[in-house]
PDB file of N, CA and C in Angstrom:
ATOM      1  N   MET A   1     -42.646  17.958 -35.898  1.00  0.00           N
ATOM      2  CA  MET A   1     -43.188  17.366 -34.702  1.00  0.00           C
ATOM      3  C   MET A   1     -43.643  15.994 -34.916  1.00  0.00           C
ATOM      4  N   LEU A   2     -44.249  15.733 -36.094  1.00  0.00           N
ATOM      5  CA  LEU A   2     -44.584  14.352 -36.285  1.00  0.00           C
ATOM      6  C   LEU A   2     -43.550  13.306 -36.223  1.00  0.00           C
ATOM      7  N   PHE A   3     -42.264  13.637 -36.260  1.00  0.00           N
ATOM      8  CA  PHE A   3     -41.177  12.739 -36.207  1.00  0.00           C
ATOM      9  C   PHE A   3     -41.180  12.148 -34.807  1.00  0.00           C
ATOM     10  N   ARG A   4     -41.596  12.806 -33.777  1.00  0.00           N
ATOM     11  CA  ARG A   4     -41.521  12.323 -32.376  1.00  0.00           C
ATOM     12  C   ARG A   4     -42.608  11.213 -32.170  1.00  0.00           C
ATOM     13  N   PHE A   5     -43.662  11.420 -32.922  1.00  0.00           N
ATOM     14  CA  PHE A   5     -44.725  10.488 -32.632  1.00  0.00           C
ATOM     15  C   PHE A   5     -44.636   9.158 -33.600  1.00  0.00           C
ATOM     16  N   LEU A   6     -44.047   9.380 -34.693  1.00  0.00           N
ATOM     17  CA  LEU A   6     -43.863   8.268 -35.607  1.00  0.00           C
ATOM     18  C   LEU A   6     -42.611   7.398 -35.527  1.00  0.00           C
ATOM     19  N   MET A   7     -41.567   7.985 -34.909  1.00  0.00           N
ATOM     20  CA  MET A   7     -40.223   7.282 -34.834  1.00  0.00           C
ATOM     21  C   MET A   7     -39.916   7.029 -33.348  1.00  0.00           C
ATOM     22  N   LYS A   8     -39.117   5.960 -33.173  1.00  0.00           N
ATOM     23  CA  LYS A   8     -38.752   5.750 -31.706  1.00  0.00           C
ATOM     24  C   LYS A   8     -37.239   5.529 -31.674  1.00  0.00           C
ATOM     25  N   LYS A   9     -36.389   5.942 -30.621  1.00  0.00           N
ATOM     26  CA  LYS A   9     -35.081   5.814 -30.707  1.00  0.00           C
ATOM     27  C   LYS A   9     -34.705   4.215 -30.442  1.00  0.00           C
ATOM     28  N   LEU A  10     -34.001   3.769 -31.168  1.00  0.00           N
ATOM     29  CA  LEU A  10     -33.522   2.324 -31.008  1.00  0.00           C
ATOM     30  C   LEU A  10     -32.229   2.232 -30.419  1.00  0.00           C
ATOM     31  N   VAL A  11     -31.152   3.084 -30.972  1.00  0.00           N
ATOM     32  CA  VAL A  11     -29.794   2.918 -30.495  1.00  0.00           C
ATOM     33  C   VAL A  11     -29.170   4.301 -30.315  1.00  0.00           C
ATOM     34  N   THR A  12     -28.393   4.594 -29.434  1.00  0.00           N
ATOM     35  CA  THR A  12     -27.560   5.821 -29.178  1.00  0.00           C
ATOM     36  C   THR A  12     -26.206   5.235 -28.949  1.00  0.00           C
ATOM     37  N   ASP A  13     -25.179   5.907 -29.632  1.00  0.00           N
ATOM     38  CA  ASP A  13     -23.818   5.332 -29.491  1.00  0.00           C
ATOM     39  C   ASP A  13     -22.909   6.513 -30.007  1.00  0.00           C
ATOM     40  N   THR A  14     -21.535   6.482 -29.511  1.00  0.00           N
ATOM     41  CA  THR A  14     -20.518   7.370 -30.023  1.00  0.00           C
ATOM     42  C   THR A  14     -19.741   6.640 -31.080  1.00  0.00           C
ATOM     43  N   SER A  15     -19.930   5.305 -31.296  1.00  0.00           N
ATOM     44  CA  SER A  15     -19.089   4.631 -32.217  1.00  0.00           C
ATOM     45  C   SER A  15     -19.722   4.493 -33.638  1.00  0.00           C
ATOM     46  N   SER A  16     -19.171   5.057 -34.530  1.00  0.00           N
ATOM     47  CA  SER A  16     -19.728   5.041 -35.850  1.00  0.00           C
ATOM     48  C   SER A  16     -19.617   3.664 -36.426  1.00  0.00           C
ATOM     49  N   GLU A  17     -18.737   2.754 -36.108  1.00  0.00           N
ATOM     50  CA  GLU A  17     -18.636   1.388 -36.530  1.00  0.00           C
ATOM     51  C   GLU A  17     -19.856   0.670 -35.945  1.00  0.00           C
ATOM     52  N   GLU A  18     -20.306   0.838 -34.703  1.00  0.00           N
ATOM     53  CA  GLU A  18     -21.509   0.180 -34.063  1.00  0.00           C
ATOM     54  C   GLU A  18     -22.759   0.679 -34.798  1.00  0.00           C
ATOM     55  N   ILE A  19     -22.889   1.971 -35.142  1.00  0.00           N
ATOM     56  CA  ILE A  19     -23.978   2.455 -35.919  1.00  0.00           C
ATOM     57  C   ILE A  19     -24.082   1.830 -37.195  1.00  0.00           C
ATOM     58  N   ARG A  20     -22.876   1.739 -37.782  1.00  0.00           N
ATOM     59  CA  ARG A  20     -22.912   1.154 -39.149  1.00  0.00           C
ATOM     60  C   ARG A  20     -23.359  -0.364 -39.067  1.00  0.00           C
ATOM     61  N   ARG A  21     -22.879  -1.115 -38.055  1.00  0.00           N
ATOM     62  CA  ARG A  21     -23.400  -2.518 -37.912  1.00  0.00           C
ATOM     63  C   ARG A  21     -24.838  -2.532 -37.685  1.00  0.00           C
ATOM     64  N   VAL A  22     -25.583  -1.629 -36.906  1.00  0.00           N
ATOM     65  CA  VAL A  22     -26.891  -1.757 -36.660  1.00  0.00           C
ATOM     66  C   VAL A  22     -27.647  -1.326 -37.984  1.00  0.00           C
ATOM     67  N   THR A  23     -27.212  -0.273 -38.624  1.00  0.00           N
ATOM     68  CA  THR A  23     -27.958   0.234 -39.810  1.00  0.00           C
ATOM     69  C   THR A  23     -27.838  -0.892 -40.948  1.00  0.00           C
ATOM     70  N   SER A  24     -26.733  -1.619 -41.061  1.00  0.00           N
ATOM     71  CA  SER A  24     -26.566  -2.610 -41.984  1.00  0.00           C
ATOM     72  C   SER A  24     -27.479  -3.781 -41.760  1.00  0.00           C
ATOM     73  N   LEU A  25     -27.675  -4.173 -40.498  1.00  0.00           N
ATOM     74  CA  LEU A  25     -28.564  -5.196 -40.127  1.00  0.00           C
ATOM     75  C   LEU A  25     -30.113  -4.810 -40.394  1.00  0.00           C
ATOM     76  N   LEU A  26     -30.428  -3.509 -40.046  1.00  0.00           N
ATOM     77  CA  LEU A  26     -31.801  -2.989 -40.383  1.00  0.00           C
ATOM     78  C   LEU A  26     -32.036  -3.009 -41.797  1.00  0.00           C
ATOM     79  N   LYS A  27     -31.054  -2.521 -42.557  1.00  0.00           N
ATOM     80  CA  LYS A  27     -31.230  -2.464 -44.035  1.00  0.00           C
ATOM     81  C   LYS A  27     -31.571  -3.836 -44.630  1.00  0.00           C
ATOM     82  N   GLN A  28     -30.709  -4.907 -44.221  1.00  0.00           N
ATOM     83  CA  GLN A  28     -30.860  -6.247 -44.683  1.00  0.00           C
ATOM     84  C   GLN A  28     -32.230  -6.842 -44.387  1.00  0.00           C
ATOM     85  N   SER A  29     -32.726  -6.410 -43.264  1.00  0.00           N
ATOM     86  CA  SER A  29     -34.092  -6.845 -42.836  1.00  0.00           C
ATOM     87  C   SER A  29     -35.212  -6.099 -43.354  1.00  0.00           C
ATOM     88  N   GLY A  30     -34.929  -5.114 -44.055  1.00  0.00           N
ATOM     89  CA  GLY A  30     -36.084  -4.176 -44.696  1.00  0.00           C
ATOM     90  C   GLY A  30     -36.616  -3.382 -43.809  1.00  0.00           C
ATOM     91  N   ILE A  31     -35.991  -2.897 -42.577  1.00  0.00           N
ATOM     92  CA  ILE A  31     -36.603  -2.066 -41.592  1.00  0.00           C
ATOM     93  C   ILE A  31     -36.117  -0.553 -42.120  1.00  0.00           C
ATOM     94  N   LYS A  32     -36.976   0.360 -42.162  1.00  0.00           N
ATOM     95  CA  LYS A  32     -36.546   1.706 -42.502  1.00  0.00           C
ATOM     96  C   LYS A  32     -36.138   2.421 -41.199  1.00  0.00           C
ATOM     97  N   TYR A  33     -35.034   3.127 -41.337  1.00  0.00           N
ATOM     98  CA  TYR A  33     -34.439   3.776 -40.186  1.00  0.00           C
ATOM     99  C   TYR A  33     -34.068   5.261 -40.423  1.00  0.00           C
ATOM    100  N   GLU A  34     -33.733   5.995 -39.524  1.00  0.00           N
ATOM    101  CA  GLU A  34     -33.163   7.299 -39.582  1.00  0.00           C
ATOM    102  C   GLU A  34     -32.039   7.652 -38.634  1.00  0.00           C
ATOM    103  N   ILE A  35     -31.042   8.237 -39.139  1.00  0.00           N
ATOM    104  CA  ILE A  35     -29.923   8.578 -38.202  1.00  0.00           C
ATOM    105  C   ILE A  35     -29.831  10.014 -37.968  1.00  0.00           C
ATOM    106  N   ARG A  36     -29.681  10.356 -36.768  1.00  0.00           N
ATOM    107  CA  ARG A  36     -29.462  11.714 -36.275  1.00  0.00           C
ATOM    108  C   ARG A  36     -28.120  11.777 -35.591  1.00  0.00           C
ATOM    109  N   THR A  37     -27.325  13.021 -35.863  1.00  0.00           N
ATOM    110  CA  THR A  37     -26.113  13.241 -35.417  1.00  0.00           C
ATOM    111  C   THR A  37     -25.996  14.440 -34.502  1.00  0.00           C
ATOM    112  N   VAL A  38     -25.439  14.348 -33.426  1.00  0.00           N
ATOM    113  CA  VAL A  38     -25.298  15.621 -32.538  1.00  0.00           C
ATOM    114  C   VAL A  38     -23.794  15.604 -32.146  1.00  0.00           C
ATOM    115  N   LYS A  39     -23.363  16.932 -32.108  1.00  0.00           N
ATOM    116  CA  LYS A  39     -22.019  17.108 -31.618  1.00  0.00           C
ATOM    117  C   LYS A  39     -22.136  17.742 -30.016  1.00  0.00           C
ATOM    118  N   PRO A  40     -21.716  16.935 -29.039  1.00  0.00           N
ATOM    119  CA  PRO A  40     -22.114  17.347 -27.590  1.00  0.00           C
ATOM    120  C   PRO A  40     -21.389  18.714 -27.295  1.00  0.00           C
ATOM    121  N   ARG A  41     -20.410  19.068 -28.004  1.00  0.00           N
ATOM    122  CA  ARG A  41     -19.840  20.393 -27.646  1.00  0.00           C
ATOM    123  C   ARG A  41     -20.587  21.554 -28.208  1.00  0.00           C
ATOM    124  N   GLY A  42     -21.397  21.287 -29.247  1.00  0.00           N
ATOM    125  CA  GLY A  42     -22.178  22.394 -29.884  1.00  0.00           C
ATOM    126  C   GLY A  42     -21.422  23.299 -30.829  1.00  0.00           C
ATOM    127  N   GLY A  43     -22.091  24.264 -31.379  1.00  0.00           N
ATOM    128  CA  GLY A  43     -21.557  25.194 -32.178  1.00  0.00           C
ATOM    129  C   GLY A  43     -20.854  26.306 -31.582  1.00  0.00           C
ATOM    130  N   ILE A  44     -21.266  26.696 -30.487  1.00  0.00           N
ATOM    131  CA  ILE A  44     -20.642  27.851 -29.836  1.00  0.00           C
ATOM    132  C   ILE A  44     -19.209  27.276 -29.191  1.00  0.00           C
ATOM    133  N   GLY A  45     -19.323  26.157 -28.662  1.00  0.00           N
ATOM    134  CA  GLY A  45     -18.102  25.487 -27.949  1.00  0.00           C
ATOM    135  C   GLY A  45     -17.129  25.227 -28.979  1.00  0.00           C
ATOM    136  N   THR A  46     -17.483  24.740 -30.095  1.00  0.00           N
ATOM    137  CA  THR A  46     -16.614  24.531 -31.244  1.00  0.00           C
ATOM    138  C   THR A  46     -15.848  25.728 -31.737  1.00  0.00           C
ATOM    139  N   ALA A  47     -16.795  26.746 -31.916  1.00  0.00           N
ATOM    140  CA  ALA A  47     -16.177  28.113 -32.308  1.00  0.00           C
ATOM    141  C   ALA A  47     -15.147  28.537 -31.264  1.00  0.00           C
ATOM    142  N   MET A  48     -15.423  28.586 -30.003  1.00  0.00           N
ATOM    143  CA  MET A  48     -14.536  28.966 -28.931  1.00  0.00           C
ATOM    144  C   MET A  48     -13.243  28.075 -28.952  1.00  0.00           C
ATOM    145  N   ASP A  49     -13.323  26.795 -29.220  1.00  0.00           N
ATOM    146  CA  ASP A  49     -12.241  25.958 -29.369  1.00  0.00           C
ATOM    147  C   ASP A  49     -11.294  26.414 -30.600  1.00  0.00           C
ATOM    148  N   SER A  50     -11.985  26.758 -31.716  1.00  0.00           N
ATOM    149  CA  SER A  50     -11.284  27.098 -32.907  1.00  0.00           C
ATOM    150  C   SER A  50     -10.567  28.474 -32.638  1.00  0.00           C
ATOM    151  N   ARG A  51     -11.140  29.351 -32.036  1.00  0.00           N
ATOM    152  CA  ARG A  51     -10.553  30.716 -31.716  1.00  0.00           C
ATOM    153  C   ARG A  51      -9.388  30.534 -30.732  1.00  0.00           C
ATOM    154  N   ALA A  52      -9.431  29.649 -29.720  1.00  0.00           N
ATOM    155  CA  ALA A  52      -8.378  29.600 -28.768  1.00  0.00           C
ATOM    156  C   ALA A  52      -7.183  28.883 -29.377  1.00  0.00           C
ATOM    157  N   TYR A  53      -7.376  27.889 -30.205  1.00  0.00           N
ATOM    158  CA  TYR A  53      -6.314  27.117 -30.907  1.00  0.00           C
ATOM    159  C   TYR A  53      -5.544  28.255 -32.039  1.00  0.00           C
ATOM    160  N   ALA A  54      -6.580  28.981 -32.547  1.00  0.00           N
ATOM    161  CA  ALA A  54      -5.926  30.007 -33.610  1.00  0.00           C
ATOM    162  C   ALA A  54      -4.998  30.937 -32.784  1.00  0.00           C
ATOM    163  N   ASN A  55      -5.346  31.506 -31.619  1.00  0.00           N
ATOM    164  CA  ASN A  55      -4.682  32.499 -30.859  1.00  0.00           C
ATOM    165  C   ASN A  55      -3.236  32.083 -30.504  1.00  0.00           C
ATOM    166  N   VAL A  56      -3.079  30.688 -30.196  1.00  0.00           N
ATOM    167  CA  VAL A  56      -1.774  30.223 -29.981  1.00  0.00           C
ATOM    168  C   VAL A  56      -1.197  29.542 -31.022  1.00  0.00           C
ATOM    169  N   ASN A  57      -1.861  29.515 -32.293  1.00  0.00           N
ATOM    170  CA  ASN A  57      -1.094  29.075 -33.486  1.00  0.00           C
ATOM    171  C   ASN A  57      -0.964  27.545 -33.409  1.00  0.00           C
ATOM    172  N   LEU A  58      -1.829  26.912 -32.904  1.00  0.00           N
ATOM    173  CA  LEU A  58      -1.855  25.334 -32.904  1.00  0.00           C
ATOM    174  C   LEU A  58      -2.937  24.839 -33.790  1.00  0.00           C
ATOM    175  N   ALA A  59      -2.543  23.617 -34.476  1.00  0.00           N
ATOM    176  CA  ALA A  59      -3.440  22.791 -35.168  1.00  0.00           C
ATOM    177  C   ALA A  59      -4.722  22.377 -34.268  1.00  0.00           C
ATOM    178  N   MET A  60      -5.892  22.528 -34.605  1.00  0.00           N
ATOM    179  CA  MET A  60      -6.889  22.286 -33.728  1.00  0.00           C
ATOM    180  C   MET A  60      -6.963  20.734 -33.551  1.00  0.00           C
ATOM    181  N   TYR A  61      -7.080  20.357 -32.258  1.00  0.00           N
ATOM    182  CA  TYR A  61      -7.155  18.981 -31.755  1.00  0.00           C
ATOM    183  C   TYR A  61      -5.896  18.159 -32.021  1.00  0.00           C
ATOM    184  N   LYS A  62      -4.729  18.945 -32.238  1.00  0.00           N
ATOM    185  CA  LYS A  62      -3.506  18.204 -32.436  1.00  0.00           C
ATOM    186  C   LYS A  62      -3.177  17.555 -31.171  1.00  0.00           C
ATOM    187  N   GLY A  63      -2.830  16.213 -31.314  1.00  0.00           N
ATOM    188  CA  GLY A  63      -2.594  15.455 -30.103  1.00  0.00           C
ATOM    189  C   GLY A  63      -3.731  15.029 -29.217  1.00  0.00           C
ATOM    190  N   ALA A  64      -4.923  15.513 -29.603  1.00  0.00           N
ATOM    191  CA  ALA A  64      -6.104  15.230 -28.809  1.00  0.00           C
ATOM    192  C   ALA A  64      -7.036  14.272 -29.520  1.00  0.00           C
ATOM    193  N   SER A  65      -7.869  13.726 -29.006  1.00  0.00           N
ATOM    194  CA  SER A  65      -8.714  12.841 -29.681  1.00  0.00           C
ATOM    195  C   SER A  65      -9.803  13.770 -30.577  1.00  0.00           C
ATOM    196  N   LEU A  66     -10.229  13.153 -31.589  1.00  0.00           N
ATOM    197  CA  LEU A  66     -11.190  13.980 -32.498  1.00  0.00           C
ATOM    198  C   LEU A  66     -12.343  14.264 -31.840  1.00  0.00           C
ATOM    199  N   PRO A  67     -13.085  15.262 -32.146  1.00  0.00           N
ATOM    200  CA  PRO A  67     -14.328  15.723 -31.632  1.00  0.00           C
ATOM    201  C   PRO A  67     -15.219  14.797 -31.593  1.00  0.00           C
ATOM    202  N   ALA A  68     -16.014  14.444 -30.542  1.00  0.00           N
ATOM    203  CA  ALA A  68     -17.007  13.357 -30.383  1.00  0.00           C
ATOM    204  C   ALA A  68     -18.252  13.736 -31.064  1.00  0.00           C
ATOM    205  N   PHE A  69     -18.845  12.725 -31.694  1.00  0.00           N
ATOM    206  CA  PHE A  69     -20.313  12.667 -32.227  1.00  0.00           C
ATOM    207  C   PHE A  69     -21.213  11.637 -31.541  1.00  0.00           C
ATOM    208  N   VAL A  70     -22.447  12.159 -31.317  1.00  0.00           N
ATOM    209  CA  VAL A  70     -23.422  11.117 -30.753  1.00  0.00           C
ATOM    210  C   VAL A  70     -24.244  10.681 -31.959  1.00  0.00           C
ATOM    211  N   TYR A  71     -24.350   9.447 -32.091  1.00  0.00           N
ATOM    212  CA  TYR A  71     -25.273   8.866 -33.189  1.00  0.00           C
ATOM    213  C   TYR A  71     -26.574   8.287 -32.742  1.00  0.00           C
ATOM    214  N   MET A  72     -27.713   8.673 -33.205  1.00  0.00           N
ATOM    215  CA  MET A  72     -28.959   8.102 -32.756  1.00  0.00           C
ATOM    216  C   MET A  72     -29.637   7.425 -33.904  1.00  0.00           C
ATOM    217  N   VAL A  73     -30.088   6.152 -33.721  1.00  0.00           N
ATOM    218  CA  VAL A  73     -30.790   5.603 -34.812  1.00  0.00           C
ATOM    219  C   VAL A  73     -32.375   5.452 -34.407  1.00  0.00           C
ATOM    220  N   TYR A  74     -33.223   5.919 -35.309  1.00  0.00           N
ATOM    221  CA  TYR A  74     -34.665   5.944 -34.994  1.00  0.00           C
ATOM    222  C   TYR A  74     -35.351   4.853 -36.066  1.00  0.00           C
ATOM    223  N   VAL A  75     -36.287   4.205 -35.629  1.00  0.00           N
ATOM    224  CA  VAL A  75     -37.061   3.445 -36.372  1.00  0.00           C
ATOM    225  C   VAL A  75     -38.525   3.711 -36.132  1.00  0.00           C
ATOM    226  N   ASN A  76     -39.444   3.280 -37.133  1.00  0.00           N
ATOM    227  CA  ASN A  76     -40.841   3.351 -36.878  1.00  0.00           C
ATOM    228  C   ASN A  76     -41.446   2.595 -35.559  1.00  0.00           C
ATOM    229  N   ARG A  77     -42.170   3.363 -34.903  1.00  0.00           N
ATOM    230  CA  ARG A  77     -42.800   2.759 -33.787  1.00  0.00           C
ATOM    231  C   ARG A  77     -43.163   1.306 -33.868  1.00  0.00           C
ATOM    232  N   ARG A  78     -43.812   0.896 -35.005  1.00  0.00           N
ATOM    233  CA  ARG A  78     -44.266  -0.364 -35.186  1.00  0.00           C
ATOM    234  C   ARG A  78     -43.255  -1.396 -35.436  1.00  0.00           C
ATOM    235  N   ASP A  79     -42.061  -0.940 -35.836  1.00  0.00           N
ATOM    236  CA  ASP A  79     -41.014  -1.855 -36.052  1.00  0.00           C
ATOM    237  C   ASP A  79     -39.952  -2.020 -34.914  1.00  0.00           C
ATOM    238  N   VAL A  80     -40.133  -1.324 -33.922  1.00  0.00           N
ATOM    239  CA  VAL A  80     -39.236  -1.304 -32.779  1.00  0.00           C
ATOM    240  C   VAL A  80     -38.868  -2.702 -32.285  1.00  0.00           C
ATOM    241  N   ASP A  81     -39.943  -3.598 -31.899  1.00  0.00           N
ATOM    242  CA  ASP A  81     -39.702  -4.873 -31.381  1.00  0.00           C
ATOM    243  C   ASP A  81     -38.864  -5.726 -32.387  1.00  0.00           C
ATOM    244  N   ARG A  82     -39.220  -5.730 -33.653  1.00  0.00           N
ATOM    245  CA  ARG A  82     -38.538  -6.560 -34.730  1.00  0.00           C
ATOM    246  C   ARG A  82     -37.036  -6.015 -34.775  1.00  0.00           C
ATOM    247  N   ALA A  83     -36.920  -4.695 -34.748  1.00  0.00           N
ATOM    248  CA  ALA A  83     -35.477  -4.141 -35.069  1.00  0.00           C
ATOM    249  C   ALA A  83     -34.762  -4.629 -33.708  1.00  0.00           C
ATOM    250  N   ARG A  84     -35.066  -4.497 -32.542  1.00  0.00           N
ATOM    251  CA  ARG A  84     -34.477  -5.028 -31.424  1.00  0.00           C
ATOM    252  C   ARG A  84     -34.020  -6.484 -31.582  1.00  0.00           C
ATOM    253  N   GLU A  85     -34.986  -7.315 -32.054  1.00  0.00           N
ATOM    254  CA  GLU A  85     -34.575  -8.712 -32.344  1.00  0.00           C
ATOM    255  C   GLU A  85     -33.456  -8.854 -33.271  1.00  0.00           C
ATOM    256  N   VAL A  86     -33.508  -8.042 -34.423  1.00  0.00           N
ATOM    257  CA  VAL A  86     -32.498  -8.161 -35.469  1.00  0.00           C
ATOM    258  C   VAL A  86     -31.069  -7.703 -34.928  1.00  0.00           C
ATOM    259  N   ILE A  87     -31.007  -6.649 -34.225  1.00  0.00           N
ATOM    260  CA  ILE A  87     -29.734  -6.208 -33.749  1.00  0.00           C
ATOM    261  C   ILE A  87     -29.183  -6.996 -32.689  1.00  0.00           C
ATOM    262  N   ALA A  88     -29.940  -7.723 -31.815  1.00  0.00           N
ATOM    263  CA  ALA A  88     -29.631  -8.550 -30.768  1.00  0.00           C
ATOM    264  C   ALA A  88     -29.088  -9.738 -31.185  1.00  0.00           C
ATOM    265  N   ALA A  89     -29.428 -10.274 -32.373  1.00  0.00           N
ATOM    266  CA  ALA A  89     -28.889 -11.526 -32.840  1.00  0.00           C
ATOM    267  C   ALA A  89     -27.540 -11.613 -33.309  1.00  0.00           C
TER     268      ALA A  89
END
C-alpha cells in the first residue's frame, strides 16, 4: 500500500521502445523509477485463447499481432516535475 503514496505514474504506453527511451533518460538523470507491466487480456483470457488454439491445432497468435502489454513507469512523488522535464526535452 505504501507504493501508492510514495510513487506517482509518469508514463503509460504499449510501446516497449518508448518505455526504454524514457527509462534511459531517467537513469541518465539519476531519477529512480519502477516499471509495472500488465497484460490487458489477463490470465483467464490468455488461457482461453491457448485452449481455443490448441483445439483447432493452430500455433497461438499465428498471423496475428503479438499479445499486447501495457507498461507503466512510476517515479517518486518528489521527482515527478523533474522527470517530466527530462523526458520532454
